[in-house]
PDB file of N, CA and C in Angstrom:
ATOM      1  N   MET A   1     117.593 123.241 119.898  1.00  0.00           N
ATOM      2  CA  MET A   1     116.628 122.543 120.874  1.00  0.00           C
ATOM      3  C   MET A   1     117.400 121.109 121.162  1.00  0.00           C
ATOM      4  N   THR A   2     117.351 120.868 122.281  1.00  0.00           N
ATOM      5  CA  THR A   2     117.938 119.492 122.877  1.00  0.00           C
ATOM      6  C   THR A   2     116.842 118.476 122.477  1.00  0.00           C
ATOM      7  N   ARG A   3     117.292 117.499 122.141  1.00  0.00           N
ATOM      8  CA  ARG A   3     116.492 116.147 121.849  1.00  0.00           C
ATOM      9  C   ARG A   3     116.681 115.061 122.865  1.00  0.00           C
ATOM     10  N   TRP A   4     115.863 114.163 122.966  1.00  0.00           N
ATOM     11  CA  TRP A   4     116.046 113.017 123.988  1.00  0.00           C
ATOM     12  C   TRP A   4     115.375 111.829 123.345  1.00  0.00           C
ATOM     13  N   PHE A   5     115.618 110.716 124.115  1.00  0.00           N
ATOM     14  CA  PHE A   5     115.064 109.504 123.730  1.00  0.00           C
ATOM     15  C   PHE A   5     113.738 109.385 124.324  1.00  0.00           C
ATOM     16  N   ASN A   6     112.615 109.081 123.652  1.00  0.00           N
ATOM     17  CA  ASN A   6     111.408 108.829 124.186  1.00  0.00           C
ATOM     18  C   ASN A   6     111.151 107.361 124.686  1.00  0.00           C
ATOM     19  N   VAL A   7     110.446 107.264 125.743  1.00  0.00           N
ATOM     20  CA  VAL A   7     110.252 105.842 126.299  1.00  0.00           C
ATOM     21  C   VAL A   7     108.700 105.627 126.402  1.00  0.00           C
ATOM     22  N   ALA A   8     107.828 106.609 126.052  1.00  0.00           N
ATOM     23  CA  ALA A   8     106.586 106.328 126.146  1.00  0.00           C
ATOM     24  C   ALA A   8     105.683 107.118 125.167  1.00  0.00           C
ATOM     25  N   GLY A   9     104.835 106.451 124.520  1.00  0.00           N
ATOM     26  CA  GLY A   9     103.998 107.179 123.484  1.00  0.00           C
ATOM     27  C   GLY A   9     104.844 107.427 122.129  1.00  0.00           C
ATOM     28  N   PRO A  10     103.967 107.880 121.302  1.00  0.00           N
ATOM     29  CA  PRO A  10     104.616 108.140 119.851  1.00  0.00           C
ATOM     30  C   PRO A  10     105.604 109.160 119.926  1.00  0.00           C
ATOM     31  N   CYS A  11     106.720 109.022 119.214  1.00  0.00           N
ATOM     32  CA  CYS A  11     107.753 110.012 119.178  1.00  0.00           C
ATOM     33  C   CYS A  11     107.474 111.295 118.277  1.00  0.00           C
ATOM     34  N   ARG A  12     107.976 112.359 118.693  1.00  0.00           N
ATOM     35  CA  ARG A  12     107.725 113.452 117.803  1.00  0.00           C
ATOM     36  C   ARG A  12     109.242 113.969 117.282  1.00  0.00           C
ATOM     37  N   PRO A  13     109.480 113.999 115.997  1.00  0.00           N
ATOM     38  CA  PRO A  13     110.878 114.330 115.396  1.00  0.00           C
ATOM     39  C   PRO A  13     111.441 115.621 115.955  1.00  0.00           C
ATOM     40  N   GLU A  14     110.575 116.549 116.247  1.00  0.00           N
ATOM     41  CA  GLU A  14     111.099 117.752 116.645  1.00  0.00           C
ATOM     42  C   GLU A  14     111.784 117.796 118.098  1.00  0.00           C
ATOM     43  N   ILE A  15     111.500 116.622 118.909  1.00  0.00           N
ATOM     44  CA  ILE A  15     111.949 116.730 120.202  1.00  0.00           C
ATOM     45  C   ILE A  15     112.625 115.421 120.688  1.00  0.00           C
ATOM     46  N   HIS A  16     112.494 114.250 119.810  1.00  0.00           N
ATOM     47  CA  HIS A  16     113.033 113.174 119.985  1.00  0.00           C
ATOM     48  C   HIS A  16     113.828 112.524 118.981  1.00  0.00           C
ATOM     49  N   TYR A  17     114.844 111.756 119.476  1.00  0.00           N
ATOM     50  CA  TYR A  17     115.708 111.069 118.495  1.00  0.00           C
ATOM     51  C   TYR A  17     114.792 109.912 117.938  1.00  0.00           C
ATOM     52  N   MET A  18     114.943 109.829 116.528  1.00  0.00           N
ATOM     53  CA  MET A  18     114.279 108.698 115.876  1.00  0.00           C
ATOM     54  C   MET A  18     114.718 108.546 114.510  1.00  0.00           C
ATOM     55  N   LEU A  19     114.570 107.382 113.978  1.00  0.00           N
ATOM     56  CA  LEU A  19     115.007 107.050 112.538  1.00  0.00           C
ATOM     57  C   LEU A  19     113.829 107.342 111.583  1.00  0.00           C
ATOM     58  N   PRO A  20     114.118 107.602 110.518  1.00  0.00           N
ATOM     59  CA  PRO A  20     113.007 107.801 109.477  1.00  0.00           C
ATOM     60  C   PRO A  20     112.249 106.573 109.339  1.00  0.00           C
ATOM     61  N   ALA A  21     110.949 106.794 109.056  1.00  0.00           N
ATOM     62  CA  ALA A  21     110.149 105.486 108.837  1.00  0.00           C
ATOM     63  C   ALA A  21     110.625 104.638 107.689  1.00  0.00           C
ATOM     64  N   THR A  22     110.898 105.245 106.729  1.00  0.00           N
ATOM     65  CA  THR A  22     111.410 104.335 105.514  1.00  0.00           C
ATOM     66  C   THR A  22     112.710 103.646 105.796  1.00  0.00           C
ATOM     67  N   ALA A  23     113.413 104.122 106.789  1.00  0.00           N
ATOM     68  CA  ALA A  23     114.691 103.300 107.115  1.00  0.00           C
ATOM     69  C   ALA A  23     114.201 102.150 108.011  1.00  0.00           C
ATOM     70  N   ARG A  24     113.219 102.159 108.827  1.00  0.00           N
ATOM     71  CA  ARG A  24     112.675 101.257 109.681  1.00  0.00           C
ATOM     72  C   ARG A  24     111.792 100.206 108.968  1.00  0.00           C
ATOM     73  N   LEU A  25     111.220 100.748 107.843  1.00  0.00           N
ATOM     74  CA  LEU A  25     110.394  99.903 107.143  1.00  0.00           C
ATOM     75  C   LEU A  25     110.859  99.868 105.675  1.00  0.00           C
ATOM     76  N   PRO A  26     111.985  99.083 105.367  1.00  0.00           N
ATOM     77  CA  PRO A  26     112.675  99.246 104.045  1.00  0.00           C
ATOM     78  C   PRO A  26     111.897  98.940 102.925  1.00  0.00           C
ATOM     79  N   ASP A  27     110.830  98.100 103.045  1.00  0.00           N
ATOM     80  CA  ASP A  27     110.113  97.712 101.797  1.00  0.00           C
ATOM     81  C   ASP A  27     108.733  98.347 101.553  1.00  0.00           C
ATOM     82  N   VAL A  28     108.453  99.242 102.661  1.00  0.00           N
ATOM     83  CA  VAL A  28     107.200  99.943 102.462  1.00  0.00           C
ATOM     84  C   VAL A  28     106.905 100.753 101.220  1.00  0.00           C
ATOM     85  N   MET A  29     107.940 101.506 100.816  1.00  0.00           N
ATOM     86  CA  MET A  29     107.638 102.427  99.661  1.00  0.00           C
ATOM     87  C   MET A  29     107.365 101.589  98.347  1.00  0.00           C
ATOM     88  N   ARG A  30     107.985 100.374  98.196  1.00  0.00           N
ATOM     89  CA  ARG A  30     107.697  99.549  97.134  1.00  0.00           C
ATOM     90  C   ARG A  30     106.272  99.052  97.218  1.00  0.00           C
ATOM     91  N   LEU A  31     105.871  98.602  98.443  1.00  0.00           N
ATOM     92  CA  LEU A  31     104.433  98.024  98.678  1.00  0.00           C
ATOM     93  C   LEU A  31     103.449  99.165  98.411  1.00  0.00           C
ATOM     94  N   ILE A  32     103.694 100.368  98.799  1.00  0.00           N
ATOM     95  CA  ILE A  32     102.631 101.486  98.476  1.00  0.00           C
ATOM     96  C   ILE A  32     102.689 101.851  97.007  1.00  0.00           C
ATOM     97  N   ALA A  33     103.848 101.931  96.395  1.00  0.00           N
ATOM     98  CA  ALA A  33     103.957 102.086  94.859  1.00  0.00           C
ATOM     99  C   ALA A  33     103.184 101.039  94.154  1.00  0.00           C
ATOM    100  N   GLN A  34     103.091  99.770  94.665  1.00  0.00           N
ATOM    101  CA  GLN A  34     102.360  98.664  94.066  1.00  0.00           C
ATOM    102  C   GLN A  34     100.989  98.700  94.496  1.00  0.00           C
ATOM    103  N   GLN A  35     100.551  99.563  95.145  1.00  0.00           N
ATOM    104  CA  GLN A  35      99.107  99.749  95.826  1.00  0.00           C
ATOM    105  C   GLN A  35      98.862  98.460  96.531  1.00  0.00           C
ATOM    106  N   SER A  36      99.862  97.881  97.223  1.00  0.00           N
ATOM    107  CA  SER A  36      99.709  96.674  98.165  1.00  0.00           C
ATOM    108  C   SER A  36      99.292  96.915  99.493  1.00  0.00           C
ATOM    109  N   TYR A  37      98.748  96.019 100.209  1.00  0.00           N
ATOM    110  CA  TYR A  37      98.477  96.081 101.613  1.00  0.00           C
ATOM    111  C   TYR A  37      99.749  95.514 102.346  1.00  0.00           C
ATOM    112  N   PHE A  38      99.784  96.049 103.487  1.00  0.00           N
ATOM    113  CA  PHE A  38     100.912  95.503 104.390  1.00  0.00           C
ATOM    114  C   PHE A  38     100.390  95.560 105.910  1.00  0.00           C
ATOM    115  N   VAL A  39     101.048  94.741 106.648  1.00  0.00           N
ATOM    116  CA  VAL A  39     100.680  94.781 108.101  1.00  0.00           C
ATOM    117  C   VAL A  39     102.107  95.036 108.767  1.00  0.00           C
ATOM    118  N   LEU A  40     101.853  95.936 109.790  1.00  0.00           N
ATOM    119  CA  LEU A  40     102.988  96.246 110.669  1.00  0.00           C
ATOM    120  C   LEU A  40     102.534  95.617 111.946  1.00  0.00           C
ATOM    121  N   HIS A  41     103.340  94.585 112.376  1.00  0.00           N
ATOM    122  CA  HIS A  41     103.011  93.762 113.543  1.00  0.00           C
ATOM    123  C   HIS A  41     104.287  93.687 114.444  1.00  0.00           C
ATOM    124  N   ALA A  42     104.212  94.017 115.652  1.00  0.00           N
ATOM    125  CA  ALA A  42     105.286  93.952 116.556  1.00  0.00           C
ATOM    126  C   ALA A  42     104.732  94.063 118.020  1.00  0.00           C
ATOM    127  N   PRO A  43     105.603  93.760 119.024  1.00  0.00           N
ATOM    128  CA  PRO A  43     105.148  93.824 120.321  1.00  0.00           C
ATOM    129  C   PRO A  43     104.830  95.274 120.819  1.00  0.00           C
ATOM    130  N   ARG A  44     104.076  95.428 121.861  1.00  0.00           N
ATOM    131  CA  ARG A  44     103.924  96.787 122.481  1.00  0.00           C
ATOM    132  C   ARG A  44     105.205  97.707 122.578  1.00  0.00           C
ATOM    133  N   GLN A  45     105.052  98.896 122.480  1.00  0.00           N
ATOM    134  CA  GLN A  45     106.115  99.926 122.824  1.00  0.00           C
ATOM    135  C   GLN A  45     107.396  99.716 121.888  1.00  0.00           C
ATOM    136  N   THR A  46     107.215  99.313 120.850  1.00  0.00           N
ATOM    137  CA  THR A  46     108.302  99.075 119.749  1.00  0.00           C
ATOM    138  C   THR A  46     108.353 100.109 118.729  1.00  0.00           C
ATOM    139  N   GLY A  47     107.331 100.994 118.704  1.00  0.00           N
ATOM    140  CA  GLY A  47     107.436 102.124 117.585  1.00  0.00           C
ATOM    141  C   GLY A  47     106.559 102.083 116.523  1.00  0.00           C
ATOM    142  N   LYS A  48     105.550 101.093 116.602  1.00  0.00           N
ATOM    143  CA  LYS A  48     104.653 101.026 115.418  1.00  0.00           C
ATOM    144  C   LYS A  48     103.688 102.380 115.068  1.00  0.00           C
ATOM    145  N   THR A  49     103.214 102.858 116.149  1.00  0.00           N
ATOM    146  CA  THR A  49     102.626 104.135 115.854  1.00  0.00           C
ATOM    147  C   THR A  49     103.479 105.363 115.468  1.00  0.00           C
ATOM    148  N   THR A  50     104.580 105.304 116.199  1.00  0.00           N
ATOM    149  CA  THR A  50     105.614 106.467 115.687  1.00  0.00           C
ATOM    150  C   THR A  50     105.968 106.174 114.110  1.00  0.00           C
ATOM    151  N   ALA A  51     106.263 104.946 113.746  1.00  0.00           N
ATOM    152  CA  ALA A  51     106.674 104.632 112.368  1.00  0.00           C
ATOM    153  C   ALA A  51     105.551 105.073 111.441  1.00  0.00           C
ATOM    154  N   MET A  52     104.260 104.727 111.782  1.00  0.00           N
ATOM    155  CA  MET A  52     103.156 105.091 110.810  1.00  0.00           C
ATOM    156  C   MET A  52     102.999 106.575 110.865  1.00  0.00           C
ATOM    157  N   PHE A  53     103.139 107.275 111.964  1.00  0.00           N
ATOM    158  CA  PHE A  53     102.915 108.815 111.903  1.00  0.00           C
ATOM    159  C   PHE A  53     104.067 109.351 111.002  1.00  0.00           C
ATOM    160  N   SER A  54     105.280 108.788 111.288  1.00  0.00           N
ATOM    161  CA  SER A  54     106.405 109.332 110.459  1.00  0.00           C
ATOM    162  C   SER A  54     106.380 108.928 108.917  1.00  0.00           C
ATOM    163  N   LEU A  55     105.755 107.776 108.704  1.00  0.00           N
ATOM    164  CA  LEU A  55     105.577 107.373 107.331  1.00  0.00           C
ATOM    165  C   LEU A  55     104.545 108.312 106.639  1.00  0.00           C
ATOM    166  N   ALA A  56     103.381 108.667 107.444  1.00  0.00           N
ATOM    167  CA  ALA A  56     102.456 109.513 106.870  1.00  0.00           C
ATOM    168  C   ALA A  56     102.925 110.879 106.516  1.00  0.00           C
ATOM    169  N   ARG A  57     103.800 111.329 107.563  1.00  0.00           N
ATOM    170  CA  ARG A  57     104.465 112.687 107.295  1.00  0.00           C
ATOM    171  C   ARG A  57     105.307 112.710 105.935  1.00  0.00           C
ATOM    172  N   GLU A  58     106.240 111.577 105.854  1.00  0.00           N
ATOM    173  CA  GLU A  58     107.050 111.444 104.705  1.00  0.00           C
ATOM    174  C   GLU A  58     106.294 111.405 103.465  1.00  0.00           C
ATOM    175  N   LEU A  59     105.199 110.541 103.410  1.00  0.00           N
ATOM    176  CA  LEU A  59     104.463 110.391 102.127  1.00  0.00           C
ATOM    177  C   LEU A  59     103.842 111.782 101.711  1.00  0.00           C
ATOM    178  N   THR A  60     103.319 112.441 102.755  1.00  0.00           N
ATOM    179  CA  THR A  60     102.538 113.658 102.371  1.00  0.00           C
ATOM    180  C   THR A  60     103.610 114.852 102.031  1.00  0.00           C
ATOM    181  N   ALA A  61     104.807 114.917 102.624  1.00  0.00           N
ATOM    182  CA  ALA A  61     105.657 115.822 102.245  1.00  0.00           C
ATOM    183  C   ALA A  61     106.378 115.517 100.914  1.00  0.00           C
ATOM    184  N   GLY A  62     106.250 114.120 100.510  1.00  0.00           N
ATOM    185  CA  GLY A  62     106.798 113.893  99.193  1.00  0.00           C
ATOM    186  C   GLY A  62     106.035 114.523  97.979  1.00  0.00           C
ATOM    187  N   GLY A  63     104.784 114.802  98.303  1.00  0.00           N
ATOM    188  CA  GLY A  63     103.889 115.672  97.561  1.00  0.00           C
ATOM    189  C   GLY A  63     102.980 114.559  96.431  1.00  0.00           C
ATOM    190  N   GLN A  64     103.363 113.229  96.457  1.00  0.00           N
ATOM    191  CA  GLN A  64     102.475 112.351  95.554  1.00  0.00           C
ATOM    192  C   GLN A  64     101.287 111.861  96.286  1.00  0.00           C
ATOM    193  N   TYR A  65     101.364 111.799  97.720  1.00  0.00           N
ATOM    194  CA  TYR A  65     100.242 111.217  98.414  1.00  0.00           C
ATOM    195  C   TYR A  65      99.889 112.198  99.449  1.00  0.00           C
ATOM    196  N   THR A  66      98.723 112.102  99.966  1.00  0.00           N
ATOM    197  CA  THR A  66      98.273 112.686 101.313  1.00  0.00           C
ATOM    198  C   THR A  66      97.963 111.668 102.248  1.00  0.00           C
ATOM    199  N   ALA A  67      98.529 111.499 103.316  1.00  0.00           N
ATOM    200  CA  ALA A  67      98.513 110.309 104.189  1.00  0.00           C
ATOM    201  C   ALA A  67      97.982 110.793 105.462  1.00  0.00           C
ATOM    202  N   VAL A  68      96.831 110.082 106.024  1.00  0.00           N
ATOM    203  CA  VAL A  68      96.375 110.507 107.324  1.00  0.00           C
ATOM    204  C   VAL A  68      96.054 108.986 107.939  1.00  0.00           C
ATOM    205  N   LEU A  69      96.370 109.048 109.146  1.00  0.00           N
ATOM    206  CA  LEU A  69      96.059 107.774 109.912  1.00  0.00           C
ATOM    207  C   LEU A  69      94.648 107.714 110.404  1.00  0.00           C
ATOM    208  N   LEU A  70      94.090 106.567 110.473  1.00  0.00           N
ATOM    209  CA  LEU A  70      92.784 106.444 111.119  1.00  0.00           C
ATOM    210  C   LEU A  70      92.796 105.305 112.032  1.00  0.00           C
ATOM    211  N   SER A  71      92.573 105.632 113.369  1.00  0.00           N
ATOM    212  CA  SER A  71      92.458 104.694 114.365  1.00  0.00           C
ATOM    213  C   SER A  71      91.091 104.196 114.664  1.00  0.00           C
ATOM    214  N   LEU A  72      90.804 102.947 114.859  1.00  0.00           N
ATOM    215  CA  LEU A  72      89.415 102.481 115.229  1.00  0.00           C
ATOM    216  C   LEU A  72      89.357 102.300 116.811  1.00  0.00           C
ATOM    217  N   GLU A  73      90.485 102.517 117.383  1.00  0.00           N
ATOM    218  CA  GLU A  73      90.443 102.169 118.933  1.00  0.00           C
ATOM    219  C   GLU A  73      89.336 103.122 119.578  1.00  0.00           C
ATOM    220  N   VAL A  74      89.138 104.335 119.034  1.00  0.00           N
ATOM    221  CA  VAL A  74      88.197 105.311 119.769  1.00  0.00           C
ATOM    222  C   VAL A  74      86.862 104.770 119.678  1.00  0.00           C
ATOM    223  N   GLY A  75      86.485 103.822 118.857  1.00  0.00           N
ATOM    224  CA  GLY A  75      85.333 103.338 118.755  1.00  0.00           C
ATOM    225  C   GLY A  75      85.033 102.207 119.753  1.00  0.00           C
ATOM    226  N   ALA A  76      86.126 101.586 120.317  1.00  0.00           N
ATOM    227  CA  ALA A  76      85.986 100.371 121.222  1.00  0.00           C
ATOM    228  C   ALA A  76      85.050 100.611 122.317  1.00  0.00           C
ATOM    229  N   PRO A  77      84.852 101.640 123.067  1.00  0.00           N
ATOM    230  CA  PRO A  77      83.944 101.812 124.087  1.00  0.00           C
ATOM    231  C   PRO A  77      82.548 101.653 123.694  1.00  0.00           C
ATOM    232  N   PHE A  78      82.188 101.863 122.427  1.00  0.00           N
ATOM    233  CA  PHE A  78      80.797 101.700 121.798  1.00  0.00           C
ATOM    234  C   PHE A  78      80.586 100.374 121.126  1.00  0.00           C
ATOM    235  N   SER A  79      81.134  99.267 121.633  1.00  0.00           N
ATOM    236  CA  SER A  79      81.097  97.955 120.937  1.00  0.00           C
ATOM    237  C   SER A  79      79.569  97.658 120.832  1.00  0.00           C
ATOM    238  N   ASP A  80      78.744  98.178 121.540  1.00  0.00           N
ATOM    239  CA  ASP A  80      77.369  97.741 121.412  1.00  0.00           C
ATOM    240  C   ASP A  80      76.489  98.635 120.698  1.00  0.00           C
ATOM    241  N   ASP A  81      77.110  99.736 120.214  1.00  0.00           N
ATOM    242  CA  ASP A  81      76.387 100.865 119.433  1.00  0.00           C
ATOM    243  C   ASP A  81      77.220 101.271 118.305  1.00  0.00           C
ATOM    244  N   ALA A  82      76.914 100.603 117.097  1.00  0.00           N
ATOM    245  CA  ALA A  82      77.758 100.789 115.973  1.00  0.00           C
ATOM    246  C   ALA A  82      77.560 102.288 115.424  1.00  0.00           C
ATOM    247  N   ASP A  83      76.455 102.966 115.690  1.00  0.00           N
ATOM    248  CA  ASP A  83      76.351 104.326 115.303  1.00  0.00           C
ATOM    249  C   ASP A  83      77.298 105.334 116.122  1.00  0.00           C
ATOM    250  N   MET A  84      77.236 105.060 117.375  1.00  0.00           N
ATOM    251  CA  MET A  84      78.224 105.936 118.290  1.00  0.00           C
ATOM    252  C   MET A  84      79.677 105.585 118.079  1.00  0.00           C
ATOM    253  N   ALA A  85      80.014 104.143 117.866  1.00  0.00           N
ATOM    254  CA  ALA A  85      81.444 104.012 117.489  1.00  0.00           C
ATOM    255  C   ALA A  85      81.799 104.641 116.032  1.00  0.00           C
ATOM    256  N   GLU A  86      80.978 104.683 115.153  1.00  0.00           N
ATOM    257  CA  GLU A  86      81.243 105.260 113.829  1.00  0.00           C
ATOM    258  C   GLU A  86      81.385 106.725 114.090  1.00  0.00           C
ATOM    259  N   ASN A  87      80.488 107.440 114.803  1.00  0.00           N
ATOM    260  CA  ASN A  87      80.637 108.814 115.111  1.00  0.00           C
ATOM    261  C   ASN A  87      82.013 109.147 115.745  1.00  0.00           C
ATOM    262  N   ALA A  88      82.359 108.355 116.803  1.00  0.00           N
ATOM    263  CA  ALA A  88      83.675 108.620 117.482  1.00  0.00           C
ATOM    264  C   ALA A  88      84.840 108.394 116.559  1.00  0.00           C
ATOM    265  N   ILE A  89      84.832 107.412 115.718  1.00  0.00           N
ATOM    266  CA  ILE A  89      85.835 107.190 114.809  1.00  0.00           C
ATOM    267  C   ILE A  89      86.049 108.329 113.766  1.00  0.00           C
ATOM    268  N   LEU A  90      84.843 108.701 113.074  1.00  0.00           N
ATOM    269  CA  LEU A  90      84.967 109.902 112.105  1.00  0.00           C
ATOM    270  C   LEU A  90      85.418 111.131 112.845  1.00  0.00           C
ATOM    271  N   SER A  91      84.918 111.318 114.101  1.00  0.00           N
ATOM    272  CA  SER A  91      85.137 112.702 114.616  1.00  0.00           C
ATOM    273  C   SER A  91      86.603 112.677 115.006  1.00  0.00           C
ATOM    274  N   SER A  92      87.263 111.661 115.576  1.00  0.00           N
ATOM    275  CA  SER A  92      88.672 111.572 115.736  1.00  0.00           C
ATOM    276  C   SER A  92      89.423 111.622 114.374  1.00  0.00           C
ATOM    277  N   TRP A  93      89.016 111.027 113.490  1.00  0.00           N
ATOM    278  CA  TRP A  93      89.743 111.172 112.031  1.00  0.00           C
ATOM    279  C   TRP A  93      89.672 112.519 111.504  1.00  0.00           C
ATOM    280  N   ARG A  94      88.567 113.243 111.712  1.00  0.00           N
ATOM    281  CA  ARG A  94      88.376 114.601 111.396  1.00  0.00           C
ATOM    282  C   ARG A  94      89.404 115.471 112.133  1.00  0.00           C
ATOM    283  N   SER A  95      89.367 115.502 113.359  1.00  0.00           N
ATOM    284  CA  SER A  95      90.169 116.298 114.204  1.00  0.00           C
ATOM    285  C   SER A  95      91.746 115.942 113.929  1.00  0.00           C
ATOM    286  N   ASP A  96      92.196 114.819 113.866  1.00  0.00           N
ATOM    287  CA  ASP A  96      93.425 114.337 113.453  1.00  0.00           C
ATOM    288  C   ASP A  96      93.880 114.992 112.200  1.00  0.00           C
ATOM    289  N   THR A  97      93.000 114.763 111.197  1.00  0.00           N
ATOM    290  CA  THR A  97      93.313 115.230 109.763  1.00  0.00           C
ATOM    291  C   THR A  97      93.570 116.768 109.826  1.00  0.00           C
ATOM    292  N   LEU A  98      92.665 117.574 110.450  1.00  0.00           N
ATOM    293  CA  LEU A  98      92.801 118.949 110.578  1.00  0.00           C
ATOM    294  C   LEU A  98      94.080 119.407 111.480  1.00  0.00           C
ATOM    295  N   ALA A  99      94.575 118.482 112.348  1.00  0.00           N
ATOM    296  CA  ALA A  99      95.668 118.978 113.198  1.00  0.00           C
ATOM    297  C   ALA A  99      97.011 118.625 112.488  1.00  0.00           C
ATOM    298  N   ARG A 100      97.022 117.401 111.722  1.00  0.00           N
ATOM    299  CA  ARG A 100      98.303 116.879 111.138  1.00  0.00           C
ATOM    300  C   ARG A 100      98.695 117.315 109.662  1.00  0.00           C
ATOM    301  N   LEU A 101      97.617 117.673 108.947  1.00  0.00           N
ATOM    302  CA  LEU A 101      97.934 117.960 107.650  1.00  0.00           C
ATOM    303  C   LEU A 101      98.349 119.384 107.400  1.00  0.00           C
ATOM    304  N   PRO A 102      99.265 119.674 106.428  1.00  0.00           N
ATOM    305  CA  PRO A 102      99.608 121.125 106.178  1.00  0.00           C
ATOM    306  C   PRO A 102      98.353 121.897 105.831  1.00  0.00           C
ATOM    307  N   ASP A 103      98.446 123.124 106.124  1.00  0.00           N
ATOM    308  CA  ASP A 103      97.343 124.016 105.827  1.00  0.00           C
ATOM    309  C   ASP A 103      96.763 123.821 104.251  1.00  0.00           C
ATOM    310  N   GLU A 104      97.541 123.736 103.470  1.00  0.00           N
ATOM    311  CA  GLU A 104      97.035 123.622 101.911  1.00  0.00           C
ATOM    312  C   GLU A 104      96.323 122.299 101.688  1.00  0.00           C
ATOM    313  N   LEU A 105      96.428 121.306 102.556  1.00  0.00           N
ATOM    314  CA  LEU A 105      95.925 120.079 102.342  1.00  0.00           C
ATOM    315  C   LEU A 105      94.597 119.805 103.240  1.00  0.00           C
ATOM    316  N   ARG A 106      94.347 120.730 104.118  1.00  0.00           N
ATOM    317  CA  ARG A 106      93.291 120.563 105.143  1.00  0.00           C
ATOM    318  C   ARG A 106      91.998 120.737 104.417  1.00  0.00           C
ATOM    319  N   GLU A 107      91.227 119.796 104.746  1.00  0.00           N
ATOM    320  CA  GLU A 107      89.771 119.772 104.233  1.00  0.00           C
ATOM    321  C   GLU A 107      88.912 119.213 105.032  1.00  0.00           C
ATOM    322  N   ASP A 108      87.753 119.801 105.422  1.00  0.00           N
ATOM    323  CA  ASP A 108      86.925 119.255 106.440  1.00  0.00           C
ATOM    324  C   ASP A 108      86.156 117.963 105.751  1.00  0.00           C
ATOM    325  N   PRO A 109      86.392 116.740 106.064  1.00  0.00           N
ATOM    326  CA  PRO A 109      85.679 115.750 105.579  1.00  0.00           C
ATOM    327  C   PRO A 109      84.018 115.666 105.568  1.00  0.00           C
ATOM    328  N   TYR A 110      83.619 116.428 106.612  1.00  0.00           N
ATOM    329  CA  TYR A 110      82.126 116.480 106.782  1.00  0.00           C
ATOM    330  C   TYR A 110      81.504 117.656 105.984  1.00  0.00           C
ATOM    331  N   ARG A 111      82.363 118.466 105.177  1.00  0.00           N
ATOM    332  CA  ARG A 111      81.857 119.500 104.579  1.00  0.00           C
ATOM    333  C   ARG A 111      81.249 118.883 103.106  1.00  0.00           C
ATOM    334  N   ALA A 112      80.003 119.335 102.993  1.00  0.00           N
ATOM    335  CA  ALA A 112      79.446 118.928 101.685  1.00  0.00           C
ATOM    336  C   ALA A 112      80.086 119.360 100.511  1.00  0.00           C
ATOM    337  N   PRO A 113      80.257 118.736  99.524  1.00  0.00           N
ATOM    338  CA  PRO A 113      80.924 119.278  98.245  1.00  0.00           C
ATOM    339  C   PRO A 113      80.160 120.434  97.670  1.00  0.00           C
ATOM    340  N   ARG A 114      80.815 121.444  97.228  1.00  0.00           N
ATOM    341  CA  ARG A 114      80.141 122.667  96.667  1.00  0.00           C
ATOM    342  C   ARG A 114      79.624 122.308  95.353  1.00  0.00           C
ATOM    343  N   LEU A 115      78.352 122.468  95.050  1.00  0.00           N
ATOM    344  CA  LEU A 115      77.913 122.407  93.608  1.00  0.00           C
ATOM    345  C   LEU A 115      77.724 123.580  93.074  1.00  0.00           C
ATOM    346  N   ASP A 116      78.395 123.986  91.855  1.00  0.00           N
ATOM    347  CA  ASP A 116      78.319 125.116  91.221  1.00  0.00           C
ATOM    348  C   ASP A 116      77.005 125.213  90.369  1.00  0.00           C
ATOM    349  N   PRO A 117      76.289 126.277  90.545  1.00  0.00           N
ATOM    350  CA  PRO A 117      74.938 126.342  89.803  1.00  0.00           C
ATOM    351  C   PRO A 117      75.247 126.212  88.229  1.00  0.00           C
ATOM    352  N   VAL A 118      74.353 125.414  87.553  1.00  0.00           N
ATOM    353  CA  VAL A 118      74.450 125.272  86.174  1.00  0.00           C
ATOM    354  C   VAL A 118      73.888 126.567  85.638  1.00  0.00           C
ATOM    355  N   GLU A 119      74.557 127.052  84.640  1.00  0.00           N
ATOM    356  CA  GLU A 119      74.075 128.432  84.018  1.00  0.00           C
ATOM    357  C   GLU A 119      73.354 128.100  82.759  1.00  0.00           C
TER     358      GLU A 119
END
């Protein structure tokens, strides 16, 4: 398959040329191992979203972590209604989780935990 350079939106490694997230964020694995917070700050259109998607894929593929991104942007239209904003955010998180995680890690976050009957 032919790849090309992407100039709009998040890159997809199967069709776009891109660097691994850990190469673009050299200290991020140390910060994650230390359970530290980090901020990814850069101008628009510089690859922040692509880097985070790639990092999430790399972390999940490594087997030690299950990483899923959560964007709060989908709640912005509901700035006057916290319940609607929360529902939009959780719905987006759910669909992204189900779409991006490998089959064996997919779990419906809205599903109630199964309680085994006490015998």
